[in-house]
PDB file of N, CA and C in Angstrom:
ATOM      1  N   MET A   1     103.932  83.298 102.036  1.00  0.00           N
ATOM      2  CA  MET A   1     105.555  83.562 101.543  1.00  0.00           C
ATOM      3  C   MET A   1     106.011  84.347 101.337  1.00  0.00           C
ATOM      4  N   ALA A   2     106.884  85.385 101.285  1.00  0.00           N
ATOM      5  CA  ALA A   2     107.676  86.272 101.786  1.00  0.00           C
ATOM      6  C   ALA A   2     107.955  86.683 100.054  1.00  0.00           C
ATOM      7  N   ALA A   3     108.134  87.527  99.168  1.00  0.00           N
ATOM      8  CA  ALA A   3     108.558  88.078  97.929  1.00  0.00           C
ATOM      9  C   ALA A   3     110.011  89.601  98.740  1.00  0.00           C
ATOM     10  N   LEU A   4     110.892  89.174  98.471  1.00  0.00           N
ATOM     11  CA  LEU A   4     111.765  90.103  98.663  1.00  0.00           C
ATOM     12  C   LEU A   4     112.725  90.169  97.459  1.00  0.00           C
ATOM     13  N   VAL A   5     113.079  91.739  96.902  1.00  0.00           N
ATOM     14  CA  VAL A   5     113.584  92.285  95.764  1.00  0.00           C
ATOM     15  C   VAL A   5     114.716  93.054  95.934  1.00  0.00           C
ATOM     16  N   TYR A   6     115.672  93.186  95.346  1.00  0.00           N
ATOM     17  CA  TYR A   6     116.896  94.083  95.632  1.00  0.00           C
ATOM     18  C   TYR A   6     117.133  95.162  94.486  1.00  0.00           C
ATOM     19  N   PHE A   7     117.305  96.123  94.741  1.00  0.00           N
ATOM     20  CA  PHE A   7     117.906  97.133  93.571  1.00  0.00           C
ATOM     21  C   PHE A   7     118.682  97.928  93.353  1.00  0.00           C
ATOM     22  N   ARG A   8     119.744  98.365  92.624  1.00  0.00           N
ATOM     23  CA  ARG A   8     120.641  99.453  92.890  1.00  0.00           C
ATOM     24  C   ARG A   8     120.791  99.882  91.598  1.00  0.00           C
ATOM     25  N   LYS A   9     121.111 101.139  91.426  1.00  0.00           N
ATOM     26  CA  LYS A   9     121.356 101.985  90.175  1.00  0.00           C
ATOM     27  C   LYS A   9     122.656 101.693  89.771  1.00  0.00           C
ATOM     28  N   ILE A  10     122.806 101.745  88.458  1.00  0.00           N
ATOM     29  CA  ILE A  10     124.217 101.594  87.630  1.00  0.00           C
ATOM     30  C   ILE A  10     124.696 102.637  87.071  1.00  0.00           C
ATOM     31  N   SER A  11     123.684 103.117  86.593  1.00  0.00           N
ATOM     32  CA  SER A  11     123.857 104.653  85.504  1.00  0.00           C
ATOM     33  C   SER A  11     122.404 105.448  85.467  1.00  0.00           C
ATOM     34  N   GLU A  12     123.043 106.250  85.358  1.00  0.00           N
ATOM     35  CA  GLU A  12     121.845 107.629  85.005  1.00  0.00           C
ATOM     36  C   GLU A  12     122.312 108.669  84.152  1.00  0.00           C
ATOM     37  N   ASP A  13     121.171 108.952  83.187  1.00  0.00           N
ATOM     38  CA  ASP A  13     121.539 110.432  82.357  1.00  0.00           C
ATOM     39  C   ASP A  13     120.241 111.427  82.425  1.00  0.00           C
ATOM     40  N   ALA A  14     120.358 111.971  81.249  1.00  0.00           N
ATOM     41  CA  ALA A  14     119.120 112.937  81.363  1.00  0.00           C
ATOM     42  C   ALA A  14     118.171 112.238  81.249  1.00  0.00           C
ATOM     43  N   GLU A  15     117.460 111.163  80.588  1.00  0.00           N
ATOM     44  CA  GLU A  15     116.495 110.772  80.070  1.00  0.00           C
ATOM     45  C   GLU A  15     116.480 109.113  81.052  1.00  0.00           C
ATOM     46  N   LEU A  16     117.460 108.510  80.772  1.00  0.00           N
ATOM     47  CA  LEU A  16     117.157 107.353  81.878  1.00  0.00           C
ATOM     48  C   LEU A  16     117.938 107.016  82.755  1.00  0.00           C
ATOM     49  N   VAL A  17     117.450 106.118  83.799  1.00  0.00           N
ATOM     50  CA  VAL A  17     117.974 105.508  84.698  1.00  0.00           C
ATOM     51  C   VAL A  17     117.933 104.235  84.418  1.00  0.00           C
ATOM     52  N   ARG A  18     119.222 103.247  84.813  1.00  0.00           N
ATOM     53  CA  ARG A  18     119.379 101.989  84.692  1.00  0.00           C
ATOM     54  C   ARG A  18     119.468 101.197  86.032  1.00  0.00           C
ATOM     55  N   TYR A  19     118.867 100.112  86.224  1.00  0.00           N
ATOM     56  CA  TYR A  19     119.057  99.530  87.726  1.00  0.00           C
ATOM     57  C   TYR A  19     119.473  97.862  87.504  1.00  0.00           C
ATOM     58  N   GLU A  20     119.764  97.201  88.410  1.00  0.00           N
ATOM     59  CA  GLU A  20     120.476  96.470  88.522  1.00  0.00           C
ATOM     60  C   GLU A  20     119.443  95.721  89.643  1.00  0.00           C
ATOM     61  N   PHE A  21     118.686  94.127  89.836  1.00  0.00           N
ATOM     62  CA  PHE A  21     117.684  94.165  90.306  1.00  0.00           C
ATOM     63  C   PHE A  21     117.932  92.191  90.651  1.00  0.00           C
ATOM     64  N   GLY A  22     117.270  91.999  91.544  1.00  0.00           N
ATOM     65  CA  GLY A  22     117.313  90.564  92.212  1.00  0.00           C
ATOM     66  C   GLY A  22     117.008  90.101  93.456  1.00  0.00           C
ATOM     67  N   ASP A  23     116.902  89.105  93.265  1.00  0.00           N
ATOM     68  CA  ASP A  23     116.665  88.536  95.164  1.00  0.00           C
ATOM     69  C   ASP A  23     117.782  88.337  96.124  1.00  0.00           C
ATOM     70  N   ASP A  24     119.087  88.742  95.437  1.00  0.00           N
ATOM     71  CA  ASP A  24     120.110  88.210  95.957  1.00  0.00           C
ATOM     72  C   ASP A  24     120.884  89.749  95.749  1.00  0.00           C
ATOM     73  N   PRO A  25     121.087  90.706  96.887  1.00  0.00           N
ATOM     74  CA  PRO A  25     121.794  91.796  96.862  1.00  0.00           C
ATOM     75  C   PRO A  25     123.660  91.671  96.416  1.00  0.00           C
ATOM     76  N   ASP A  26     123.913  90.762  96.676  1.00  0.00           N
ATOM     77  CA  ASP A  26     125.289  90.217  96.603  1.00  0.00           C
ATOM     78  C   ASP A  26     125.530  89.861  94.790  1.00  0.00           C
ATOM     79  N   SER A  27     124.752  89.498  94.501  1.00  0.00           N
ATOM     80  CA  SER A  27     124.390  88.837  93.165  1.00  0.00           C
ATOM     81  C   SER A  27     123.161  89.308  92.018  1.00  0.00           C
ATOM     82  N   PHE A  28     123.335  90.179  91.560  1.00  0.00           N
ATOM     83  CA  PHE A  28     122.097  90.723  90.628  1.00  0.00           C
ATOM     84  C   PHE A  28     122.172  90.200  89.776  1.00  0.00           C
ATOM     85  N   SER A  29     120.959  89.445  89.069  1.00  0.00           N
ATOM     86  CA  SER A  29     120.983  88.735  87.761  1.00  0.00           C
ATOM     87  C   SER A  29     120.042  89.602  86.740  1.00  0.00           C
ATOM     88  N   ARG A  30     119.437  90.739  86.797  1.00  0.00           N
ATOM     89  CA  ARG A  30     118.832  91.574  86.081  1.00  0.00           C
ATOM     90  C   ARG A  30     118.852  92.911  85.805  1.00  0.00           C
ATOM     91  N   HIS A  31     118.422  93.497  84.415  1.00  0.00           N
ATOM     92  CA  HIS A  31     118.518  94.957  84.766  1.00  0.00           C
ATOM     93  C   HIS A  31     116.827  95.361  84.195  1.00  0.00           C
ATOM     94  N   LEU A  32     117.007  96.735  84.685  1.00  0.00           N
ATOM     95  CA  LEU A  32     115.595  97.596  83.888  1.00  0.00           C
ATOM     96  C   LEU A  32     116.167  98.468  83.869  1.00  0.00           C
ATOM     97  N   THR A  33     115.515  99.684  82.919  1.00  0.00           N
ATOM     98  CA  THR A  33     115.969 100.834  82.614  1.00  0.00           C
ATOM     99  C   THR A  33     114.122 101.481  82.532  1.00  0.00           C
ATOM    100  N   MET A  34     114.451 103.015  83.489  1.00  0.00           N
ATOM    101  CA  MET A  34     113.656 103.765  83.577  1.00  0.00           C
ATOM    102  C   MET A  34     113.637 104.945  82.605  1.00  0.00           C
ATOM    103  N   ASP A  35     112.522 105.161  82.165  1.00  0.00           N
ATOM    104  CA  ASP A  35     112.506 106.436  81.056  1.00  0.00           C
ATOM    105  C   ASP A  35     111.879 107.415  82.599  1.00  0.00           C
ATOM    106  N   LYS A  36     112.977 108.651  82.389  1.00  0.00           N
ATOM    107  CA  LYS A  36     112.686 109.649  83.623  1.00  0.00           C
ATOM    108  C   LYS A  36     111.185 110.168  83.392  1.00  0.00           C
ATOM    109  N   GLU A  37     110.967 110.602  82.135  1.00  0.00           N
ATOM    110  CA  GLU A  37     109.804 111.691  81.859  1.00  0.00           C
ATOM    111  C   GLU A  37     108.543 111.002  82.142  1.00  0.00           C
ATOM    112  N   SER A  38     108.645 109.720  81.564  1.00  0.00           N
ATOM    113  CA  SER A  38     107.109 109.017  81.552  1.00  0.00           C
ATOM    114  C   SER A  38     106.997 108.160  82.832  1.00  0.00           C
ATOM    115  N   ARG A  39     108.124 107.738  83.468  1.00  0.00           N
ATOM    116  CA  ARG A  39     108.422 106.960  84.624  1.00  0.00           C
ATOM    117  C   ARG A  39     108.015 105.373  84.378  1.00  0.00           C
ATOM    118  N   THR A  40     108.059 105.422  83.095  1.00  0.00           N
ATOM    119  CA  THR A  40     107.630 103.779  82.766  1.00  0.00           C
ATOM    120  C   THR A  40     109.331 103.129  82.397  1.00  0.00           C
ATOM    121  N   SER A  41     109.090 101.573  82.810  1.00  0.00           N
ATOM    122  CA  SER A  41     110.126 101.139  83.092  1.00  0.00           C
ATOM    123  C   SER A  41     110.283 100.019  81.753  1.00  0.00           C
ATOM    124  N   SER A  42     111.544  99.180  81.526  1.00  0.00           N
ATOM    125  CA  SER A  42     111.230  98.286  80.883  1.00  0.00           C
ATOM    126  C   SER A  42     112.298  97.225  81.465  1.00  0.00           C
ATOM    127  N   ALA A  43     111.808  95.895  81.066  1.00  0.00           N
ATOM    128  CA  ALA A  43     113.057  94.711  81.492  1.00  0.00           C
ATOM    129  C   ALA A  43     114.096  94.420  80.601  1.00  0.00           C
ATOM    130  N   ASP A  44     115.474  94.589  80.791  1.00  0.00           N
ATOM    131  CA  ASP A  44     116.331  94.499  79.519  1.00  0.00           C
ATOM    132  C   ASP A  44     116.071  93.263  79.052  1.00  0.00           C
ATOM    133  N   ASP A  45     115.722  92.203  80.005  1.00  0.00           N
ATOM    134  CA  ASP A  45     115.446  90.810  79.264  1.00  0.00           C
ATOM    135  C   ASP A  45     113.839  90.791  78.583  1.00  0.00           C
ATOM    136  N   GLY A  46     113.138  91.499  78.727  1.00  0.00           N
ATOM    137  CA  GLY A  46     112.128  91.369  78.381  1.00  0.00           C
ATOM    138  C   GLY A  46     111.155  90.682  79.469  1.00  0.00           C
ATOM    139  N   ARG A  47     111.109  90.416  80.400  1.00  0.00           N
ATOM    140  CA  ARG A  47     110.282  89.325  81.359  1.00  0.00           C
ATOM    141  C   ARG A  47     109.892  90.295  82.403  1.00  0.00           C
ATOM    142  N   THR A  48     108.480  90.890  82.005  1.00  0.00           N
ATOM    143  CA  THR A  48     107.803  91.478  82.918  1.00  0.00           C
ATOM    144  C   THR A  48     107.264  90.583  83.936  1.00  0.00           C
ATOM    145  N   ASP A  49     108.291  90.044  85.168  1.00  0.00           N
ATOM    146  CA  ASP A  49     107.615  89.778  85.964  1.00  0.00           C
ATOM    147  C   ASP A  49     106.883  89.791  87.478  1.00  0.00           C
ATOM    148  N   TYR A  50     106.847  89.387  88.674  1.00  0.00           N
ATOM    149  CA  TYR A  50     106.901  89.556  89.807  1.00  0.00           C
ATOM    150  C   TYR A  50     107.625  90.428  89.772  1.00  0.00           C
ATOM    151  N   SER A  51     109.156  89.825  90.290  1.00  0.00           N
ATOM    152  CA  SER A  51     110.111  90.776  90.389  1.00  0.00           C
ATOM    153  C   SER A  51     110.421  92.086  89.922  1.00  0.00           C
ATOM    154  N   PHE A  52     110.520  92.114  88.321  1.00  0.00           N
ATOM    155  CA  PHE A  52     110.299  92.950  87.636  1.00  0.00           C
ATOM    156  C   PHE A  52     109.116  94.314  88.071  1.00  0.00           C
ATOM    157  N   LEU A  53     107.997  93.917  88.326  1.00  0.00           N
ATOM    158  CA  LEU A  53     107.484  94.990  89.042  1.00  0.00           C
ATOM    159  C   LEU A  53     107.370  95.429  90.235  1.00  0.00           C
ATOM    160  N   LYS A  54     107.834  94.411  90.974  1.00  0.00           N
ATOM    161  CA  LYS A  54     108.221  95.164  92.487  1.00  0.00           C
ATOM    162  C   LYS A  54     109.379  96.074  92.010  1.00  0.00           C
ATOM    163  N   ALA A  55     110.293  95.750  91.650  1.00  0.00           N
ATOM    164  CA  ALA A  55     111.407  96.670  91.833  1.00  0.00           C
ATOM    165  C   ALA A  55     110.553  97.990  91.233  1.00  0.00           C
ATOM    166  N   SER A  56     110.437  97.825  89.672  1.00  0.00           N
ATOM    167  CA  SER A  56     109.909  99.149  89.193  1.00  0.00           C
ATOM    168  C   SER A  56     109.037 100.144  90.432  1.00  0.00           C
ATOM    169  N   ARG A  57     107.892  99.360  90.837  1.00  0.00           N
ATOM    170  CA  ARG A  57     107.303 100.124  91.333  1.00  0.00           C
ATOM    171  C   ARG A  57     108.019 100.402  92.830  1.00  0.00           C
ATOM    172  N   LYS A  58     108.374  99.977  93.075  1.00  0.00           N
ATOM    173  CA  LYS A  58     109.620 100.503  94.343  1.00  0.00           C
ATOM    174  C   LYS A  58     110.158 101.548  94.250  1.00  0.00           C
ATOM    175  N   ILE A  59     111.322 101.566  92.921  1.00  0.00           N
ATOM    176  CA  ILE A  59     111.906 102.861  92.527  1.00  0.00           C
ATOM    177  C   ILE A  59     110.987 104.072  92.412  1.00  0.00           C
ATOM    178  N   ASN A  60     109.953 103.559  91.804  1.00  0.00           N
ATOM    179  CA  ASN A  60     108.858 105.040  91.020  1.00  0.00           C
ATOM    180  C   ASN A  60     108.121 105.582  92.950  1.00  0.00           C
ATOM    181  N   ALA A  61     108.313 104.662  93.607  1.00  0.00           N
ATOM    182  CA  ALA A  61     107.958 105.133  94.741  1.00  0.00           C
ATOM    183  C   ALA A  61     108.586 105.913  95.464  1.00  0.00           C
ATOM    184  N   MET A  62     110.144 105.301  95.485  1.00  0.00           N
ATOM    185  CA  MET A  62     111.186 106.228  96.406  1.00  0.00           C
ATOM    186  C   MET A  62     111.251 107.655  95.604  1.00  0.00           C
ATOM    187  N   ARG A  63     110.929 107.573  94.125  1.00  0.00           N
ATOM    188  CA  ARG A  63     111.366 108.543  93.270  1.00  0.00           C
ATOM    189  C   ARG A  63     110.266 109.635  93.976  1.00  0.00           C
ATOM    190  N   GLU A  64     109.080 109.241  94.116  1.00  0.00           N
ATOM    191  CA  GLU A  64     107.796 110.225  94.307  1.00  0.00           C
ATOM    192  C   GLU A  64     107.969 110.712  95.896  1.00  0.00           C
ATOM    193  N   GLU A  65     108.242 109.980  96.708  1.00  0.00           N
ATOM    194  CA  GLU A  65     108.748 110.117  98.022  1.00  0.00           C
ATOM    195  C   GLU A  65     109.963 111.149  98.596  1.00  0.00           C
ATOM    196  N   ARG A  66     111.007 110.833  97.402  1.00  0.00           N
ATOM    197  CA  ARG A  66     112.002 111.646  97.637  1.00  0.00           C
ATOM    198  C   ARG A  66     112.989 112.984  97.073  1.00  0.00           C
ATOM    199  N   GLY A  67     112.295 112.683  95.599  1.00  0.00           N
ATOM    200  CA  GLY A  67     112.348 113.715  94.690  1.00  0.00           C
ATOM    201  C   GLY A  67     113.929 113.484  93.681  1.00  0.00           C
ATOM    202  N   GLN A  68     113.932 112.440  93.357  1.00  0.00           N
ATOM    203  CA  GLN A  68     115.349 111.905  93.231  1.00  0.00           C
ATOM    204  C   GLN A  68     114.843 110.474  93.075  1.00  0.00           C
ATOM    205  N   TRP A  69     115.979 109.960  91.994  1.00  0.00           N
ATOM    206  CA  TRP A  69     116.075 108.607  91.803  1.00  0.00           C
ATOM    207  C   TRP A  69     116.862 107.918  92.521  1.00  0.00           C
ATOM    208  N   PRO A  70     116.648 106.744  93.310  1.00  0.00           N
ATOM    209  CA  PRO A  70     117.316 106.205  94.579  1.00  0.00           C
ATOM    210  C   PRO A  70     118.188 105.833  94.385  1.00  0.00           C
ATOM    211  N   ASP A  71     119.472 105.613  94.961  1.00  0.00           N
ATOM    212  CA  ASP A  71     120.718 104.807  94.512  1.00  0.00           C
ATOM    213  C   ASP A  71     120.631 103.090  94.799  1.00  0.00           C
ATOM    214  N   ARG A  72     119.677 103.036  95.846  1.00  0.00           N
ATOM    215  CA  ARG A  72     119.765 101.482  95.756  1.00  0.00           C
ATOM    216  C   ARG A  72     118.228 101.805  96.655  1.00  0.00           C
ATOM    217  N   GLY A  73     117.640  99.753  96.906  1.00  0.00           N
ATOM    218  CA  GLY A  73     116.989 100.117  97.798  1.00  0.00           C
ATOM    219  C   GLY A  73     116.196  98.613  97.904  1.00  0.00           C
ATOM    220  N   MET A  74     115.125  98.146  98.445  1.00  0.00           N
ATOM    221  CA  MET A  74     114.405  97.158  98.240  1.00  0.00           C
ATOM    222  C   MET A  74     112.997  96.919  98.737  1.00  0.00           C
ATOM    223  N   SER A  75     112.188  95.443  98.290  1.00  0.00           N
ATOM    224  CA  SER A  75     110.761  95.979  98.459  1.00  0.00           C
ATOM    225  C   SER A  75     110.464  94.497  98.979  1.00  0.00           C
ATOM    226  N   VAL A  76     109.545  94.376 100.088  1.00  0.00           N
ATOM    227  CA  VAL A  76     109.248  92.811 100.427  1.00  0.00           C
ATOM    228  C   VAL A  76     107.837  93.165 100.662  1.00  0.00           C
ATOM    229  N   SER A  77     107.213  91.820 100.419  1.00  0.00           N
ATOM    230  CA  SER A  77     105.914  91.871 100.354  1.00  0.00           C
ATOM    231  C   SER A  77     105.263  90.547 101.207  1.00  0.00           C
TER     232      SER A  77
END
């Protein structure tokens, strides 16, 4: 069974980047906040589940690859 998660940046300042994410790109149901310095993330609802981990890891991978925080993306496995 495939797992799919979409994400989209909703805000960014000098310290944090906020994303919304979920399995439907037209109706995101959750948010995560990424600390730019440590590159650690936290789920705004406190749930550290598979979808959160997939989104967080993909965001960090794209940041590493492109040198900037992605505006949007998806992860499939």
